[in-house]
Each structure stands twice: as structure tokens, then as C-alpha cells.
C-alpha atoms as a PDB file:
ATOM      1  CA  MET A   1     138.508  87.273  95.706  1.00  0.00           C
ATOM      2  CA  SER A   2     139.895  84.722  93.177  1.00  0.00           C
ATOM      3  CA  GLY A   3     137.364  82.769  91.057  1.00  0.00           C
ATOM      4  CA  MET A   4     134.737  85.547  91.364  1.00  0.00           C
ATOM      5  CA  SER A   5     133.623  86.984  87.630  1.00  0.00           C
ATOM      6  CA  ASP A   6     133.377  90.632  87.108  1.00  0.00           C
ATOM      7  CA  PHE A   7     130.579  92.010  88.771  1.00  0.00           C
ATOM      8  CA  ARG A   8     130.323  95.547  88.154  1.00  0.00           C
ATOM      9  CA  PHE A   9     128.152  98.234  90.097  1.00  0.00           C
ATOM     10  CA  ASP A  10     128.007 102.103  91.123  1.00  0.00           C
ATOM     11  CA  LEU A  11     127.789 103.325  94.721  1.00  0.00           C
ATOM     12  CA  LYS A  12     126.794 106.851  94.615  1.00  0.00           C
ATOM     13  CA  PRO A  13     126.332 109.193  97.842  1.00  0.00           C
ATOM     14  CA  VAL A  14     123.103 110.508  98.356  1.00  0.00           C
ATOM     15  CA  GLU A  15     121.869 113.447 100.757  1.00  0.00           C
ATOM     16  CA  SER A  16     118.381 111.553 101.303  1.00  0.00           C
ATOM     17  CA  LYS A  17     115.868 109.438  99.668  1.00  0.00           C
ATOM     18  CA  PRO A  18     113.177 110.932  97.294  1.00  0.00           C
ATOM     19  CA  GLN A  19     109.691 110.977  98.402  1.00  0.00           C
ATOM     20  CA  ARG A  20     107.607 108.067  96.861  1.00  0.00           C
ATOM     21  CA  GLN A  21     105.033 109.171  94.282  1.00  0.00           C
ATOM     22  CA  TYR A  22     101.464 108.134  94.807  1.00  0.00           C
ATOM     23  CA  ARG A  23      98.850 108.121  91.922  1.00  0.00           C
ATOM     24  CA  LYS A  24      96.351 110.799  92.351  1.00  0.00           C
ATOM     25  CA  GLY A  25      92.789 109.679  92.810  1.00  0.00           C
ATOM     26  CA  GLY A  26      91.534 106.067  93.079  1.00  0.00           C
ATOM     27  CA  SER A  27      92.590 102.599  92.854  1.00  0.00           C
ATOM     28  CA  LYS A  28      91.409  99.778  91.194  1.00  0.00           C
ATOM     29  CA  TYR A  29      91.089  98.166  94.624  1.00  0.00           C
ATOM     30  CA  ASP A  30      88.679 100.895  95.570  1.00  0.00           C
ATOM     31  CA  PRO A  31      85.298  99.370  94.336  1.00  0.00           C
ATOM     32  CA  ILE A  32      86.279  96.232  96.426  1.00  0.00           C
ATOM     33  CA  LEU A  33      86.273  98.077  99.814  1.00  0.00           C
ATOM     34  CA  ASP A  34      83.259 100.107  98.431  1.00  0.00           C
ATOM     35  CA  ALA A  35      81.183  97.328  97.836  1.00  0.00           C
ATOM     36  CA  PHE A  36      82.451  95.571 100.900  1.00  0.00           C
ATOM     37  CA  MET A  37      81.423  98.797 103.095  1.00  0.00           C
ATOM     38  CA  GLU A  38      78.009  98.948 101.314  1.00  0.00           C
ATOM     39  CA  GLY A  39      77.040  95.479 101.719  1.00  0.00           C
ATOM     40  CA  SER A  40      75.544  93.683 104.822  1.00  0.00           C
ATOM     41  CA  ASP A  41      78.424  90.908 105.076  1.00  0.00           C
ATOM     42  CA  THR A  42      80.595  91.039 108.275  1.00  0.00           C
ATOM     43  CA  LEU A  43      82.962  88.363 106.272  1.00  0.00           C
ATOM     44  CA  ALA A  44      83.959  88.062 102.595  1.00  0.00           C
ATOM     45  CA  ALA A  45      86.401  86.156 100.458  1.00  0.00           C
ATOM     46  CA  VAL A  46      88.268  88.356  97.594  1.00  0.00           C
ATOM     47  CA  GLU A  47      89.498  86.811  94.317  1.00  0.00           C
ATOM     48  CA  VAL A  48      90.864  88.917  91.674  1.00  0.00           C
ATOM     49  CA  PRO A  49      92.315  86.793  88.647  1.00  0.00           C
ATOM     50  CA  ASP A  50      96.088  86.551  88.449  1.00  0.00           C
ATOM     51  CA  ARG A  51      96.418  88.195  92.261  1.00  0.00           C
ATOM     52  CA  ASP A  52      96.890  85.820  94.859  1.00  0.00           C
ATOM     53  CA  GLY A  53      95.819  86.470  98.664  1.00  0.00           C
ATOM     54  CA  ASN A  54      99.122  88.062  99.888  1.00  0.00           C
ATOM     55  CA  TYR A  55      99.213  90.499  97.024  1.00  0.00           C
ATOM     56  CA  LEU A  56      95.526  91.550  97.562  1.00  0.00           C
ATOM     57  CA  ARG A  57      95.960  91.861 101.679  1.00  0.00           C
ATOM     58  CA  THR A  58      99.000  94.324 100.815  1.00  0.00           C
ATOM     59  CA  GLN A  59      97.180  96.375  98.287  1.00  0.00           C
ATOM     60  CA  LEU A  60      93.908  96.542 100.093  1.00  0.00           C
ATOM     61  CA  ASN A  61      95.586  97.464 103.230  1.00  0.00           C
ATOM     62  CA  LYS A  62      97.581 100.321 101.383  1.00  0.00           C
ATOM     63  CA  ARG A  63      93.842 101.491 100.021  1.00  0.00           C
ATOM     64  CA  ILE A  64      92.223 101.036 103.814  1.00  0.00           C
ATOM     65  CA  GLU A  65      95.397 103.114 105.180  1.00  0.00           C
ATOM     66  CA  ASP A  66      95.231 105.782 102.464  1.00  0.00           C
ATOM     67  CA  LYS A  67      91.270 106.514 102.587  1.00  0.00           C
ATOM     68  CA  GLY A  68      91.319 106.197 106.479  1.00  0.00           C
ATOM     69  CA  LEU A  69      89.032 103.605 106.696  1.00  0.00           C
ATOM     70  CA  GLU A  70      88.381 102.052 109.899  1.00  0.00           C
ATOM     71  CA  GLY A  71      86.794  98.817 110.900  1.00  0.00           C
ATOM     72  CA  ILE A  72      88.033  96.709 108.033  1.00  0.00           C
ATOM     73  CA  LYS A  73      90.393  93.903 108.942  1.00  0.00           C
ATOM     74  CA  VAL A  74      92.208  92.214 105.838  1.00  0.00           C
ATOM     75  CA  SER A  75      93.724  88.666 106.336  1.00  0.00           C
ATOM     76  CA  VAL A  76      94.848  85.759 104.466  1.00  0.00           C
ATOM     77  CA  VAL A  77      94.257  82.010 105.229  1.00  0.00           C
ATOM     78  CA  ASN A  78      95.491  79.375 102.716  1.00  0.00           C
ATOM     79  CA  ASN A  79      96.337  81.912 100.148  1.00  0.00           C
ATOM     80  CA  VAL A  80      92.544  83.533 100.174  1.00  0.00           C
ATOM     81  CA  CYS A  81      92.147  87.152 101.062  1.00  0.00           C
ATOM     82  CA  TYR A  82      89.341  87.748 103.183  1.00  0.00           C
ATOM     83  CA  LEU A  83      87.900  91.170 104.317  1.00  0.00           C
ATOM     84  CA  GLU A  84      86.193  91.432 107.732  1.00  0.00           C
ATOM     85  CA  LYS A  85      84.308  94.148 109.491  1.00  0.00           C
ATOM     86  CA  THR A  86      85.174  94.819 112.978  1.00  0.00           C
END
């Protein structure tokens, strides 16, 4: 292709992808879920400095799945993350 600058890359065949390494033990997001589960509120907004709602939803959903929690729904409206007991 003319006009393109040199763009170097390597493709290496592999047999399989490595398994993802998970951190052992708890997460810094566990206290949020613990506090919500222990509380009496059925709906709460979650705010963490320097984290947007979509990022929080992803992290909290991962922890809910890893911990096998049921009855908690995480949603985002207008970039605000909400926890809801279902």
C-alpha cells in the first residue's frame, strides 16, 4: 500500500489463551456490597471518587458473580450507579 508509513507488528501462533489470573481474597469493592446487603435500603446510589457509573457497574457485577450473591441488581442511569435489592 503506497502512502502508508512503516507499521511493525508480529503475529505469533499460540495453542491457547492463558487463563486469566484473579486476585485471591477480597476486592476493594466488597465493602460496598457488604454494607448494602447489611442495610435496610432497597435502592442506593453508589459514588466512588474518580470512578464513573459504568466502571462501578462492571466492578460490582464482577464481585457479585465471584461471590455468588443473589438478589442484587446493578444499574446505571445518567452515569450514576445504583444498587437494588430484587
